[in-house]
Amino acid sequence: MAADYALTPSAPLDLATLDELLRSRARVVLSEEARQRITACHDYLHQRLERDPDTAIYGINTGFGSLCGQAIAAGQRQQLQTNLLMSHACGTGAEVPAELVRLMLLLKVQSLSYGHSGVQLATVQRLLDFYNRGMLPVVYEQGSLGASGDLAPLAHLCLPLLGLGEVNYEGYRLAAADAMSLFSWEPVTLKAKEGLALLNGTQFMLAYAVHALLRAQRLTNAADSIGALSLEAFDGLAEPFDARLHRLRPHAGQVMVAARLRALLSGSALQQQPKTAVQDPYSLRCMPQVHGATRDALTYVRLTTETECNAVTDNPTIFPEDDAILSGGNFHGQPLALALDMLAIATAELGSISQQRTAQLISGQRGLPPFLVAEPGLNSGLMIPQYAAAGLVSQNKQLCTPASVDSLVSSNGQEDHVSMGANAATKALRVVVNVEQLLGIELLNAAQALAFRRPARTSEPLEKLVAAFREKVPFVSQDRILYPDLHAAAAFVREYAWQ
């Protein structure tokens, strides 16, 4: 069993740590530092309210949004926070996948652990209880503008604290109150600012950013390996990857991909054979430039995402050490919205160039049979997988229309610029899933084409890749139903230990 992981505000979370936590299912606890910070901030807030009861503090003794001018009497402030969660739970569309809800819980706890939000320790601990027990609130994909935080999704995430809403637990969908009764958990009674602290924040779009980025990073390695295999199967040239070329245009990603391709092709008998072509198509020749640009873009996305993982994004923000409560805009999702749009565009390019390599492989050039089947005509071979790939590339173009350039006024003009980061988030994940399938289709074609080059062999790492793939998808000797092979190829791309 994995050891407990202690969330510690002075020890930032990074993508690698989050990936390990999600894979290991380690129990997460609050460090003593986090517990002290949370408690100190909560105590300060209530001492401040007692000391200065008449000063308006947004969302604590006022209404929300454009209702911020409405004063709330002291006796109604707990109800104010409960009303906030109930009224904002307006999510629609598909349910958020379980692994993303788990991430939302963890990231919300991380943000609250810095001790600038005013919440009770018991509230944060209950969110961790949900995470550790696998009691996952039912959250919906649509409803957030990504501006005053991910209000609707986070309302659904936090409703079960009150014994309201629904959860998924051990394969069952239950009323939150019924699920909590299994552990004799009582609903949390929200105190001043707690509802606002729970709803303000970027944890919906941030969870998507973390999840999609982890998958996209794996795709960069997959694209290099599968592209190298396609080059070998197409009888392509290694010359475009010469280090001297890339020293003259030293973008970090380009230099890295060229080096990776040289390593992947090292020791290949196919590369030692005489070549008839003088140059290869761009989809093969320009892999360092295209794959490398994606890597560089994802570096920006990673830096933005990791910064957000270690940020306080609710409002107002409390500074006990300065005796200050400040209203600001840290909940605005624009940094993530831009990064998520970039993630989608950069990842889509891996799929676009992959589809072109697939089209080259089935074109009947360089001694390969049309559609990579021994008896074309009687058999259509791998004709239609390329159609599917073209359809996915086209859909990705539509999904890559940036969400972050859009904005609509909300809350009667008080919230007059929004990020639409939640839409950027859900679109980006769809693009990543599509590219997993696109690279799977290319791998299906490249492995098929390589068989027509036998007995000559490619490099050891590429032969290992083909052997592993053949355990999941056999050679296509004559026409058969191919959709199981396409699905298996996409799963292989997701799950293979790409280096």
Protein backbone atom coordinates (compact mmCIF):
# COMPACT_ATOMS: atom_id res chain seq x y z
CA MET A 1 0.00 0.00 0.00
CA ALA A 2 1.30 3.45 -0.90
CA ALA A 3 2.35 5.69 1.97
CA ASP A 4 0.18 8.65 2.91
CA TYR A 5 0.92 11.86 1.05
CA ALA A 6 0.79 15.05 3.14
CA LEU A 7 -0.39 18.22 1.42
CA THR A 8 2.04 20.89 2.57
CA PRO A 9 1.64 24.52 1.41
CA SER A 10 5.41 25.07 1.40
CA ALA A 11 5.95 22.02 -0.87
CA PRO A 12 4.42 22.81 -4.28
CA LEU A 13 2.55 20.17 -6.25
CA ASP A 14 3.90 19.39 -9.70
CA LEU A 15 2.49 17.33 -12.56
CA ALA A 16 4.67 14.31 -11.79
CA THR A 17 3.46 14.22 -8.17
CA LEU A 18 -0.17 14.52 -9.22
CA ASP A 19 0.28 11.73 -11.76
CA GLU A 20 1.78 9.47 -9.11
CA LEU A 21 -0.96 10.27 -6.60
CA LEU A 22 -3.67 9.44 -9.09
CA ARG A 23 -2.00 6.21 -10.19
CA SER A 24 -1.06 4.95 -6.73
CA ARG A 25 -4.36 5.94 -5.07
CA ALA A 26 -2.29 6.94 -2.04
CA ARG A 27 -4.22 8.37 0.88
CA VAL A 28 -3.82 12.14 1.12
CA VAL A 29 -3.68 13.94 4.46
CA LEU A 30 -3.23 17.53 5.59
CA SER A 31 0.20 18.34 6.97
CA GLU A 32 0.43 20.06 10.33
CA GLU A 33 1.47 23.23 8.51
CA ALA A 34 -1.72 23.15 6.41
CA ARG A 35 -3.91 22.46 9.43
CA GLN A 36 -2.40 25.38 11.32
CA ARG A 37 -2.80 27.76 8.40
CA ILE A 38 -6.42 26.79 7.80
CA THR A 39 -7.32 27.12 11.48
CA ALA A 40 -5.48 30.43 11.93
CA CYS A 41 -7.23 32.00 8.96
CA HIS A 42 -10.66 30.77 10.04
CA ASP A 43 -10.13 32.09 13.57
CA TYR A 44 -8.90 35.44 12.27
CA LEU A 45 -11.94 35.89 10.04
CA HIS A 46 -14.40 35.36 12.88
CA GLN A 47 -12.46 37.57 15.25
CA ARG A 48 -12.47 40.26 12.58
CA LEU A 49 -16.24 39.98 12.12
CA GLU A 50 -16.76 40.33 15.86
CA ARG A 51 -14.37 43.26 16.09
CA ASP A 52 -15.69 45.13 13.05
CA PRO A 53 -19.26 43.95 12.47
CA ASP A 54 -20.41 46.91 10.34
CA THR A 55 -17.75 46.89 7.61
CA ALA A 56 -19.06 45.37 4.38
CA ILE A 57 -17.01 42.39 3.24
CA TYR A 58 -18.07 40.89 -0.07
CA GLY A 59 -19.85 37.57 0.16
CA ILE A 60 -19.57 37.42 3.94
CA ASN A 61 -22.07 40.04 4.98
CA THR A 62 -23.22 41.04 1.48
CA GLY A 63 -24.96 39.34 -1.40
CA PHE A 64 -23.11 37.92 -4.40
CA GLY A 65 -22.34 39.19 -7.89
CA SER A 66 -24.45 42.20 -8.78
CA LEU A 67 -26.22 41.76 -5.40
CA CYS A 68 -23.03 42.79 -3.59
CA GLY A 69 -24.75 45.97 -2.36
CA GLN A 70 -27.28 43.99 -0.34
CA ALA A 71 -26.34 43.76 3.35
CA ILE A 72 -26.84 40.43 5.11
CA ALA A 73 -27.70 40.40 8.80
CA ALA A 74 -25.42 38.42 11.12
CA GLY A 75 -28.10 35.85 11.86
CA GLN A 76 -28.53 35.06 8.16
CA ARG A 77 -24.90 34.57 7.19
CA GLN A 78 -24.80 30.80 7.57
CA GLN A 79 -27.95 30.50 5.48
CA LEU A 80 -26.35 32.79 2.90
CA GLN A 81 -23.53 30.30 2.35
CA THR A 82 -25.90 27.33 2.13
CA ASN A 83 -28.14 29.20 -0.30
CA LEU A 84 -25.10 29.94 -2.45
CA LEU A 85 -24.25 26.26 -2.92
CA MET A 86 -27.83 25.27 -3.65
CA SER A 87 -28.60 28.10 -6.06
CA HIS A 88 -25.38 27.71 -8.04
CA ALA A 89 -25.70 23.95 -8.64
CA CYS A 90 -26.96 24.46 -12.20
CA GLY A 91 -24.70 22.11 -14.14
CA THR A 92 -25.91 20.50 -17.36
CA GLY A 93 -24.61 18.11 -19.97
CA ALA A 94 -22.61 14.94 -19.45
CA GLU A 95 -21.23 13.86 -16.10
CA VAL A 96 -17.61 14.68 -15.42
CA PRO A 97 -15.57 11.43 -15.47
CA ALA A 98 -14.67 9.99 -12.08
CA GLU A 99 -10.92 10.52 -12.40
CA LEU A 100 -11.50 14.21 -13.05
CA VAL A 101 -13.83 14.58 -10.06
CA ARG A 102 -11.10 13.03 -7.90
CA LEU A 103 -8.69 15.63 -9.25
CA MET A 104 -11.16 18.44 -8.55
CA LEU A 105 -11.42 17.37 -4.92
CA LEU A 106 -7.67 17.18 -4.49
CA LEU A 107 -7.02 20.52 -6.18
CA LYS A 108 -9.74 22.27 -4.19
CA VAL A 109 -8.21 21.00 -0.94
CA GLN A 110 -4.77 22.12 -2.11
CA SER A 111 -6.03 25.66 -2.76
CA LEU A 112 -7.79 25.85 0.60
CA SER A 113 -4.74 24.51 2.45
CA TYR A 114 -2.80 27.78 2.13
CA GLY A 115 -4.90 29.42 4.83
CA HIS A 116 -6.18 32.41 2.86
CA SER A 117 -9.80 31.27 2.44
CA GLY A 118 -11.34 31.36 5.92
CA VAL A 119 -12.84 27.87 5.85
CA GLN A 120 -13.17 25.49 8.79
CA LEU A 121 -10.65 22.69 9.10
CA ALA A 122 -13.58 20.26 9.26
CA THR A 123 -14.78 21.39 5.83
CA VAL A 124 -11.42 20.77 4.20
CA GLN A 125 -11.08 17.44 5.99
CA ARG A 126 -14.46 16.27 4.70
CA LEU A 127 -13.43 17.04 1.12
CA LEU A 128 -10.35 14.90 1.74
CA ASP A 129 -12.57 12.18 3.19
CA PHE A 130 -14.54 12.14 -0.06
CA TYR A 131 -11.27 11.87 -2.00
CA ASN A 132 -9.76 9.12 0.13
CA ARG A 133 -12.95 7.05 0.32
CA GLY A 134 -13.64 7.37 -3.40
CA MET A 135 -16.99 9.02 -2.69
CA LEU A 136 -17.16 11.19 -5.79
CA PRO A 137 -19.79 13.91 -6.17
CA VAL A 138 -21.82 13.92 -9.37
CA VAL A 139 -20.60 16.95 -11.36
CA TYR A 140 -21.72 18.08 -14.81
CA GLU A 141 -19.52 19.34 -17.64
CA GLN A 142 -21.46 22.44 -18.64
CA GLY A 143 -22.44 25.54 -16.74
CA SER A 144 -19.19 27.38 -15.99
CA LEU A 145 -18.08 30.61 -17.65
CA GLY A 146 -14.62 30.27 -16.13
CA ALA A 147 -14.66 33.74 -14.62
CA SER A 148 -15.94 34.01 -11.05
CA GLY A 149 -14.49 30.59 -10.68
CA ASP A 150 -16.06 27.38 -11.97
CA LEU A 151 -19.20 28.17 -10.00
CA ALA A 152 -21.67 25.55 -11.20
CA PRO A 153 -19.29 22.55 -11.30
CA LEU A 154 -17.82 23.43 -7.91
CA ALA A 155 -21.31 23.81 -6.44
CA HIS A 156 -22.05 20.22 -7.47
CA LEU A 157 -18.66 19.12 -6.13
CA CYS A 158 -19.39 20.64 -2.71
CA LEU A 159 -23.13 20.03 -2.29
CA PRO A 160 -22.49 16.65 -0.61
CA LEU A 161 -20.77 18.49 2.24
CA LEU A 162 -24.29 19.56 3.16
CA GLY A 163 -25.76 16.11 2.61
CA LEU A 164 -27.25 17.35 -0.66
CA GLY A 165 -26.74 16.32 -4.27
CA GLU A 166 -25.52 12.92 -5.42
CA VAL A 167 -22.33 10.88 -5.34
CA ASN A 168 -20.90 7.89 -7.12
CA TYR A 169 -19.59 5.33 -4.64
CA GLU A 170 -18.35 1.81 -5.36
CA GLY A 171 -20.29 1.61 -8.60
CA TYR A 172 -23.54 3.00 -7.23
CA ARG A 173 -25.12 6.41 -7.68
CA LEU A 174 -26.47 7.47 -4.30
CA ALA A 175 -28.06 10.45 -2.63
CA ALA A 176 -25.23 12.18 -0.78
CA ALA A 177 -27.03 11.89 2.54
CA ASP A 178 -27.41 8.12 2.14
CA ALA A 179 -23.75 7.68 1.19
CA MET A 180 -22.57 9.78 4.14
CA SER A 181 -24.68 7.74 6.52
CA LEU A 182 -22.54 4.71 5.68
CA PHE A 183 -19.75 6.36 7.68
CA SER A 184 -21.97 8.19 10.18
CA TRP A 185 -20.89 11.51 8.69
CA GLU A 186 -23.01 14.51 9.61
CA PRO A 187 -23.50 17.36 7.13
CA VAL A 188 -21.12 20.28 7.52
CA THR A 189 -22.65 23.52 8.80
CA LEU A 190 -21.11 26.24 6.67
CA LYS A 191 -19.87 29.37 8.39
CA ALA A 192 -19.02 32.83 7.08
CA LYS A 193 -17.45 32.82 3.60
CA GLU A 194 -17.24 29.05 3.31
CA GLY A 195 -19.72 28.65 0.48
CA LEU A 196 -17.96 31.38 -1.45
CA ALA A 197 -14.54 29.83 -0.83
CA LEU A 198 -15.79 26.48 -2.07
CA LEU A 199 -17.41 27.84 -5.25
CA ASN A 200 -14.86 30.46 -6.26
CA GLY A 201 -11.88 28.78 -7.88
CA THR A 202 -10.63 27.22 -11.09
CA GLN A 203 -10.53 23.59 -10.03
CA PHE A 204 -12.88 22.32 -12.77
CA MET A 205 -10.84 23.67 -15.67
CA LEU A 206 -7.62 22.98 -13.75
CA ALA A 207 -8.50 19.30 -13.30
CA TYR A 208 -9.08 19.03 -17.04
CA ALA A 209 -5.79 20.83 -17.70
CA VAL A 210 -3.84 18.43 -15.47
CA HIS A 211 -5.52 15.33 -16.88
CA ALA A 212 -5.33 16.37 -20.55
CA LEU A 213 -1.75 17.58 -20.20
CA LEU A 214 -0.55 14.32 -18.65
CA ARG A 215 -2.09 12.43 -21.57
CA ALA A 216 -0.78 14.92 -24.14
CA GLN A 217 2.76 14.67 -22.78
CA ARG A 218 2.66 10.92 -23.29
CA LEU A 219 1.43 11.51 -26.84
CA THR A 220 4.54 13.53 -27.70
CA ASN A 221 6.70 10.46 -27.08
CA ALA A 222 4.21 8.23 -28.87
CA ALA A 223 4.21 10.50 -31.92
CA ASP A 224 8.00 10.38 -32.20
CA SER A 225 8.12 6.59 -32.01
CA ILE A 226 5.18 5.97 -34.33
CA GLY A 227 6.45 8.60 -36.77
CA ALA A 228 9.86 6.92 -36.81
CA LEU A 229 8.19 3.58 -37.53
CA SER A 230 6.24 5.15 -40.40
CA LEU A 231 9.46 6.57 -41.81
CA GLU A 232 11.01 3.11 -41.76
CA ALA A 233 7.96 1.49 -43.32
CA PHE A 234 7.88 4.18 -46.05
CA ASP A 235 11.59 3.64 -46.78
CA GLY A 236 12.28 7.18 -45.67
CA LEU A 237 15.49 9.07 -45.05
CA ALA A 238 17.19 9.80 -41.71
CA GLU A 239 19.17 12.73 -43.16
CA PRO A 240 16.61 15.42 -42.08
CA PHE A 241 17.34 14.57 -38.43
CA ASP A 242 21.07 15.30 -38.63
CA ALA A 243 22.14 17.34 -35.59
CA ARG A 244 23.93 19.88 -37.78
CA LEU A 245 20.65 20.99 -39.30
CA HIS A 246 19.02 21.57 -35.95
CA ARG A 247 21.92 23.50 -34.48
CA LEU A 248 21.06 26.17 -37.04
CA ARG A 249 17.48 26.50 -35.73
CA PRO A 250 17.81 25.51 -32.09
CA HIS A 251 14.25 25.53 -30.80
CA ALA A 252 14.36 23.28 -27.74
CA GLY A 253 11.58 20.95 -28.84
CA GLN A 254 12.91 20.63 -32.38
CA VAL A 255 16.41 19.74 -31.17
CA MET A 256 14.96 17.20 -28.73
CA VAL A 257 12.77 15.47 -31.32
CA ALA A 258 15.59 15.26 -33.87
CA ALA A 259 17.78 13.61 -31.25
CA ARG A 260 15.00 11.21 -30.31
CA LEU A 261 14.45 10.25 -33.94
CA ARG A 262 18.17 9.61 -34.43
CA ALA A 263 18.14 7.34 -31.38
CA LEU A 264 14.99 5.53 -32.53
CA LEU A 265 16.53 4.84 -35.96
CA SER A 266 19.98 3.89 -34.67
CA GLY A 267 20.98 0.37 -35.72
CA SER A 268 18.24 0.02 -38.33
CA ALA A 269 19.10 -2.30 -41.20
CA LEU A 270 16.46 -0.53 -43.30
CA GLN A 271 18.43 2.70 -43.04
CA GLN A 272 21.50 0.94 -44.45
CA GLN A 273 19.73 -0.05 -47.66
CA PRO A 274 20.13 2.12 -50.78
CA LYS A 275 17.49 4.85 -51.07
CA THR A 276 15.87 5.89 -54.32
CA ALA A 277 14.08 9.00 -53.04
CA VAL A 278 15.93 12.30 -52.75
CA GLN A 279 13.47 13.81 -50.26
CA ASP A 280 10.52 12.64 -48.20
CA PRO A 281 7.12 14.33 -47.80
CA TYR A 282 6.94 16.99 -45.10
CA SER A 283 4.93 14.77 -42.74
CA LEU A 284 8.03 12.57 -42.45
CA ARG A 285 10.83 15.05 -43.09
CA CYS A 286 9.55 17.81 -40.77
CA MET A 287 8.75 15.74 -37.68
CA PRO A 288 11.34 17.61 -35.56
CA GLN A 289 9.87 20.96 -36.50
CA VAL A 290 6.22 19.97 -35.99
CA HIS A 291 6.49 17.58 -33.05
CA GLY A 292 9.04 19.91 -31.48
CA ALA A 293 6.76 22.94 -31.69
CA THR A 294 4.09 20.94 -29.88
CA ARG A 295 6.55 20.08 -27.13
CA ASP A 296 7.50 23.74 -26.72
CA ALA A 297 3.85 24.76 -26.53
CA LEU A 298 3.13 22.09 -23.92
CA THR A 299 6.03 23.40 -21.85
CA TYR A 300 4.15 26.70 -21.57
CA VAL A 301 0.96 24.82 -20.71
CA ARG A 302 2.78 22.84 -18.01
CA LEU A 303 4.25 25.96 -16.39
CA THR A 304 0.83 27.64 -16.32
CA THR A 305 -0.90 24.52 -15.01
CA GLU A 306 1.62 23.89 -12.24
CA THR A 307 1.41 27.53 -11.15
CA GLU A 308 -2.36 27.21 -10.91
CA CYS A 309 -2.08 23.96 -8.95
CA ASN A 310 -0.31 25.93 -6.23
CA ALA A 311 -2.51 29.02 -6.26
CA VAL A 312 -5.30 30.48 -4.13
CA THR A 313 -8.15 31.25 -6.51
CA ASP A 314 -11.14 32.14 -4.35
CA ASN A 315 -12.35 35.61 -3.34
CA PRO A 316 -12.15 37.62 -1.17
CA THR A 317 -8.68 36.60 -0.02
CA ILE A 318 -7.73 36.77 3.65
CA PHE A 319 -4.30 37.81 4.95
CA PRO A 320 -4.36 37.22 8.72
CA GLU A 321 -0.77 38.34 9.16
CA ASP A 322 -1.62 41.74 7.63
CA ASP A 323 -5.08 42.10 9.19
CA ALA A 324 -6.44 42.43 5.65
CA ILE A 325 -9.30 41.00 3.60
CA LEU A 326 -8.93 41.89 -0.09
CA SER A 327 -11.39 41.51 -2.94
CA GLY A 328 -9.71 40.69 -6.24
CA GLY A 329 -9.97 38.52 -9.32
CA ASN A 330 -7.79 35.46 -8.78
CA PHE A 331 -10.76 33.30 -9.72
CA HIS A 332 -10.65 34.54 -13.33
CA GLY A 333 -9.74 31.64 -15.59
CA GLN A 334 -7.95 33.50 -18.39
CA PRO A 335 -4.47 32.03 -17.71
CA LEU A 336 -5.86 28.51 -17.94
CA ALA A 337 -8.23 29.32 -20.81
CA LEU A 338 -5.34 30.46 -22.99
CA ALA A 339 -3.20 27.50 -21.95
CA LEU A 340 -5.99 25.01 -22.63
CA ASP A 341 -6.62 26.47 -26.08
CA MET A 342 -2.89 26.14 -26.74
CA LEU A 343 -2.94 22.55 -25.45
CA ALA A 344 -5.73 21.68 -27.88
CA ILE A 345 -4.05 23.32 -30.87
CA ALA A 346 -0.62 21.87 -30.15
CA THR A 347 -1.95 18.35 -29.57
CA ALA A 348 -4.17 18.52 -32.66
CA GLU A 349 -1.08 19.12 -34.77
CA LEU A 350 0.33 15.78 -33.67
CA GLY A 351 -2.84 14.22 -35.06
CA SER A 352 -2.85 16.27 -38.25
CA ILE A 353 0.67 15.29 -39.29
CA SER A 354 0.02 11.70 -38.20
CA GLN A 355 -2.95 11.44 -40.55
CA GLN A 356 -0.78 12.64 -43.41
CA ARG A 357 1.79 9.93 -42.71
CA THR A 358 -1.03 7.39 -42.72
CA ALA A 359 -2.17 8.68 -46.11
CA GLN A 360 1.37 8.31 -47.49
CA LEU A 361 1.64 4.73 -46.25
CA ILE A 362 -1.52 3.56 -48.04
CA SER A 363 -0.79 5.46 -51.28
CA GLY A 364 0.96 2.57 -53.07
CA GLN A 365 4.34 4.34 -53.24
CA ARG A 366 7.88 3.04 -52.68
CA GLY A 367 7.09 -0.60 -53.22
CA LEU A 368 4.17 -0.78 -50.80
CA PRO A 369 0.85 -2.20 -52.07
CA PRO A 370 -2.15 0.14 -52.23
CA PHE A 371 -3.96 0.18 -48.87
CA LEU A 372 -1.30 -2.17 -47.47
CA VAL A 373 -2.99 -5.44 -48.39
CA ALA A 374 -1.47 -8.24 -50.48
CA GLU A 375 -4.51 -8.60 -52.77
CA PRO A 376 -5.93 -5.08 -53.32
CA GLY A 377 -9.20 -5.05 -55.22
CA LEU A 378 -10.62 -8.17 -53.67
CA ASN A 379 -9.61 -6.63 -50.34
CA SER A 380 -9.96 -2.95 -49.38
CA GLY A 381 -7.29 -3.41 -46.73
CA LEU A 382 -6.58 -0.29 -44.71
CA MET A 383 -8.49 2.07 -46.97
CA ILE A 384 -11.16 3.18 -44.50
CA PRO A 385 -9.13 3.69 -41.33
CA GLN A 386 -7.62 6.67 -43.14
CA TYR A 387 -11.15 8.00 -43.71
CA ALA A 388 -11.75 7.76 -39.97
CA ALA A 389 -8.48 9.57 -39.35
CA ALA A 390 -9.42 12.35 -41.76
CA GLY A 391 -12.75 12.77 -39.98
CA LEU A 392 -11.03 13.05 -36.61
CA VAL A 393 -8.57 15.63 -37.93
CA SER A 394 -11.44 17.67 -39.30
CA GLN A 395 -13.28 17.52 -35.99
CA ASN A 396 -10.13 18.62 -34.18
CA LYS A 397 -9.96 21.69 -36.40
CA GLN A 398 -13.45 22.61 -35.25
CA LEU A 399 -12.62 21.90 -31.59
CA CYS A 400 -9.51 24.08 -31.83
CA THR A 401 -11.50 27.25 -32.37
CA PRO A 402 -10.28 29.10 -29.25
CA ALA A 403 -12.72 29.50 -26.40
CA SER A 404 -10.58 32.12 -24.69
CA VAL A 405 -11.40 34.81 -27.25
CA ASP A 406 -15.08 34.56 -26.36
CA SER A 407 -16.85 36.43 -23.57
CA LEU A 408 -20.43 37.11 -22.54
CA VAL A 409 -21.71 39.47 -19.86
CA SER A 410 -23.18 37.84 -16.74
CA SER A 411 -24.56 38.87 -13.34
CA ASN A 412 -26.23 42.01 -14.69
CA GLY A 413 -22.96 43.46 -15.90
CA GLN A 414 -20.91 42.92 -12.74
CA GLU A 415 -19.08 40.00 -14.35
CA ASP A 416 -18.57 41.64 -17.72
CA HIS A 417 -15.56 39.68 -19.00
CA VAL A 418 -15.32 35.91 -18.68
CA SER A 419 -12.68 33.42 -19.82
CA MET A 420 -14.80 30.52 -21.10
CA GLY A 421 -11.99 28.37 -19.72
CA ALA A 422 -14.38 25.54 -18.86
CA ASN A 423 -15.30 25.20 -22.53
CA ALA A 424 -11.61 25.34 -23.44
CA ALA A 425 -11.05 22.54 -20.93
CA THR A 426 -13.65 20.11 -22.20
CA LYS A 427 -12.68 20.75 -25.83
CA ALA A 428 -9.02 20.18 -25.12
CA LEU A 429 -9.67 16.76 -23.61
CA ARG A 430 -11.75 15.74 -26.64
CA VAL A 431 -8.85 16.71 -28.89
CA VAL A 432 -6.43 14.60 -26.82
CA VAL A 433 -8.74 11.58 -27.05
CA ASN A 434 -9.02 12.05 -30.83
CA VAL A 435 -5.24 12.23 -31.22
CA GLU A 436 -4.82 9.02 -29.26
CA GLN A 437 -7.00 7.37 -31.89
CA LEU A 438 -5.20 9.10 -34.76
CA LEU A 439 -1.82 7.86 -33.60
CA GLY A 440 -3.34 4.41 -33.10
CA ILE A 441 -4.48 4.40 -36.73
CA GLU A 442 -1.02 5.45 -37.89
CA LEU A 443 0.56 2.69 -35.80
CA LEU A 444 -1.82 0.14 -37.32
CA ASN A 445 -0.71 1.24 -40.80
CA ALA A 446 2.99 1.54 -40.00
CA ALA A 447 3.18 -1.93 -38.46
CA GLN A 448 1.26 -3.33 -41.44
CA ALA A 449 3.58 -1.61 -43.94
CA LEU A 450 6.71 -2.76 -42.14
CA ALA A 451 5.73 -6.38 -42.80
CA PHE A 452 6.19 -5.73 -46.54
CA ARG A 453 9.84 -4.74 -45.86
CA ARG A 454 10.80 -8.10 -44.37
CA PRO A 455 13.21 -9.73 -43.92
CA ALA A 456 15.02 -6.42 -43.36
CA ARG A 457 14.62 -5.18 -39.80
CA THR A 458 14.31 -1.81 -38.21
CA SER A 459 15.97 -0.71 -34.97
CA GLU A 460 15.70 -2.59 -31.70
CA PRO A 461 13.31 -0.07 -29.99
CA LEU A 462 11.01 -0.01 -33.03
CA GLU A 463 11.01 -3.80 -33.35
CA LYS A 464 10.08 -3.97 -29.66
CA LEU A 465 7.22 -1.55 -30.30
CA VAL A 466 5.89 -3.61 -33.21
CA ALA A 467 6.11 -6.83 -31.21
CA ALA A 468 4.15 -5.30 -28.33
CA PHE A 469 1.54 -3.94 -30.72
CA ARG A 470 1.15 -7.29 -32.44
CA GLU A 471 0.10 -8.80 -29.12
CA LYS A 472 -2.96 -6.54 -29.31
CA VAL A 473 -3.60 -6.16 -33.04
CA PRO A 474 -2.69 -8.90 -35.57
CA PHE A 475 -1.53 -8.38 -39.16
CA VAL A 476 -4.36 -7.74 -41.64
CA SER A 477 -3.87 -10.46 -44.28
CA GLN A 478 -7.35 -10.07 -45.75
CA ASP A 479 -10.41 -7.98 -45.03
CA ARG A 480 -11.96 -8.31 -41.59
CA ILE A 481 -14.02 -6.13 -39.28
CA LEU A 482 -11.55 -3.43 -38.28
CA TYR A 483 -13.21 -1.31 -35.63
CA PRO A 484 -12.01 -3.57 -32.76
CA ASP A 485 -8.48 -3.12 -34.11
CA LEU A 486 -8.87 0.67 -34.16
CA HIS A 487 -10.16 0.69 -30.60
CA ALA A 488 -7.35 -1.61 -29.48
CA ALA A 489 -4.80 0.60 -31.23
CA ALA A 490 -6.05 3.71 -29.41
CA ALA A 491 -5.91 1.85 -26.09
CA PHE A 492 -2.36 0.75 -26.89
CA VAL A 493 -1.32 4.35 -27.51
CA ARG A 494 -2.83 5.38 -24.16
CA GLU A 495 -1.30 2.54 -22.17
CA TYR A 496 2.08 1.67 -23.71
CA ALA A 497 5.15 2.72 -21.72
CA TRP A 498 6.44 5.27 -24.20
CA GLN A 499 10.02 6.35 -23.63
